[in-house]
Amino acid sequence: EVQLQASGGGLVQPGGSLRLSCVASGFTFGSYDMSWVRQAPGKGPEYVSATNSGGGTSYYADSVKGRFTISRDNAKNTAYLQMDSLKPEDTAVYYCAIPSLRARGQGTLVTVSS
């Protein structure tokens, strides 16, 4: 069974940082591209970032470019999203996903507020 578990969310002040983690199980994590998606209250899902299977290529939404960094450690079946210079508009539930498997795990809530 494909499982993805995101963690690391919380309440942070504007300008602060958080690091999200996504632990994968039930499949060969290192063989798949993965992505981070977020959904703000009352809004639809929004693509945030993606990386290829080896982690050598990354993509970012314009809204997070220069502030967020995606990475992965295939030996640990884990992906990360380092989020710096957080803004209130980054408030959302963040999910990790494997698009080609149509898999998305339980999300973690990030709240940016003073």
Protein backbone atom coordinates (compact mmCIF):
# COMPACT_ATOMS: atom_id res chain seq x y z
CA GLU A 1 0.00 0.00 0.00
CA VAL A 2 1.35 3.39 -1.01
CA GLN A 3 1.61 5.67 1.99
CA LEU A 4 2.81 9.25 2.28
CA GLN A 5 2.96 10.99 5.64
CA ALA A 6 3.72 14.68 5.84
CA SER A 7 4.78 16.36 9.07
CA GLY A 8 6.50 19.47 10.37
CA GLY A 9 3.71 22.00 10.09
CA GLY A 10 2.77 24.44 12.79
CA LEU A 11 2.24 28.08 13.70
CA VAL A 12 4.99 30.48 12.66
CA GLN A 13 5.29 34.25 12.51
CA PRO A 14 5.65 36.05 9.20
CA GLY A 15 9.26 35.91 8.08
CA GLY A 16 9.85 32.66 9.91
CA SER A 17 10.83 29.23 8.65
CA LEU A 18 9.54 25.69 8.76
CA ARG A 19 10.80 22.41 7.36
CA LEU A 20 8.25 19.88 6.21
CA SER A 21 9.04 16.19 5.86
CA CYS A 22 7.29 13.49 3.86
CA VAL A 23 7.98 9.85 4.64
CA ALA A 24 7.04 7.36 1.94
CA SER A 25 6.38 3.64 2.20
CA GLY A 26 4.85 0.82 0.21
CA PHE A 27 6.65 1.59 -3.06
CA THR A 28 10.10 2.35 -4.45
CA PHE A 29 10.25 6.03 -3.54
CA GLY A 30 13.45 6.70 -5.43
CA SER A 31 11.87 5.69 -8.73
CA TYR A 32 9.27 8.44 -8.79
CA ASP A 33 9.05 12.18 -9.21
CA MET A 34 7.33 13.78 -6.26
CA SER A 35 5.65 17.07 -5.53
CA TRP A 36 4.29 19.28 -2.79
CA VAL A 37 0.79 20.70 -3.10
CA ARG A 38 -1.05 23.01 -0.74
CA GLN A 39 -4.64 23.94 -0.13
CA ALA A 40 -5.57 27.13 1.64
CA PRO A 41 -8.87 27.44 3.53
CA GLY A 42 -11.72 27.86 1.07
CA LYS A 43 -9.48 27.48 -1.99
CA GLY A 44 -8.55 24.73 -4.41
CA PRO A 45 -5.27 22.81 -4.47
CA GLU A 46 -2.20 24.74 -5.56
CA TYR A 47 1.02 23.25 -6.91
CA VAL A 48 4.00 24.35 -4.82
CA SER A 49 7.08 22.45 -5.91
CA ALA A 50 8.29 19.23 -7.52
CA THR A 51 11.48 17.27 -7.96
CA ASN A 52 12.48 14.42 -10.20
CA SER A 53 13.19 10.92 -8.95
CA GLY A 54 16.88 11.53 -8.37
CA GLY A 55 16.42 14.94 -6.83
CA GLY A 56 18.62 16.70 -9.34
CA THR A 57 15.90 18.81 -10.93
CA SER A 58 13.42 21.00 -9.09
CA TYR A 59 10.48 23.18 -10.01
CA TYR A 60 8.72 25.88 -8.04
CA ALA A 61 5.54 27.89 -8.30
CA ASP A 62 6.25 31.56 -8.85
CA SER A 63 4.62 32.34 -5.51
CA VAL A 64 7.30 30.42 -3.58
CA LYS A 65 10.33 30.69 -5.83
CA GLY A 66 13.37 31.93 -3.93
CA ARG A 67 11.78 31.17 -0.55
CA PHE A 68 11.11 27.42 -0.61
CA THR A 69 13.58 24.61 -1.30
CA ILE A 70 12.59 21.05 -2.13
CA SER A 71 14.91 18.12 -1.51
CA ARG A 72 14.81 14.38 -1.02
CA ASP A 73 16.83 11.59 0.56
CA ASN A 74 15.94 8.42 -1.32
CA ALA A 75 17.94 6.29 1.11
CA LYS A 76 15.54 7.43 3.83
CA ASN A 77 12.42 7.41 1.61
CA THR A 78 11.90 11.00 2.67
CA ALA A 79 11.31 14.31 0.95
CA TYR A 80 11.58 17.76 2.45
CA LEU A 81 10.27 21.24 1.86
CA GLN A 82 12.30 24.00 3.50
CA MET A 83 10.14 27.08 3.75
CA ASP A 84 11.79 30.41 4.55
CA SER A 85 10.51 33.99 4.64
CA LEU A 86 7.01 32.71 5.23
CA LYS A 87 4.06 34.96 4.49
CA PRO A 88 0.47 34.85 5.75
CA GLU A 89 -0.63 33.78 2.27
CA ASP A 90 1.43 30.60 2.68
CA THR A 91 -1.10 29.42 5.25
CA ALA A 92 -2.49 26.10 4.03
CA VAL A 93 -2.50 22.37 4.46
CA TYR A 94 0.57 21.01 2.70
CA TYR A 95 0.53 17.59 1.06
CA CYS A 96 3.21 15.49 -0.54
CA ALA A 97 2.20 13.60 -3.64
CA ILE A 98 3.38 11.12 -6.24
CA PRO A 99 1.55 12.29 -9.36
CA SER A 100 2.21 9.21 -11.50
CA LEU A 101 0.74 6.99 -8.78
CA ARG A 102 -2.13 9.40 -8.16
CA ALA A 103 -1.10 9.23 -4.51
CA ARG A 104 -1.35 11.99 -1.96
CA GLY A 105 -0.81 11.60 1.73
CA GLN A 106 -2.34 13.23 4.74
CA GLY A 107 -1.33 16.83 4.94
CA THR A 108 0.26 19.00 7.57
CA LEU A 109 -1.14 22.41 8.49
CA VAL A 110 1.06 25.47 8.19
CA THR A 111 -0.26 28.68 9.74
CA VAL A 112 1.63 31.92 9.24
CA SER A 113 0.34 34.57 11.59
CA SER A 114 1.53 37.11 14.10
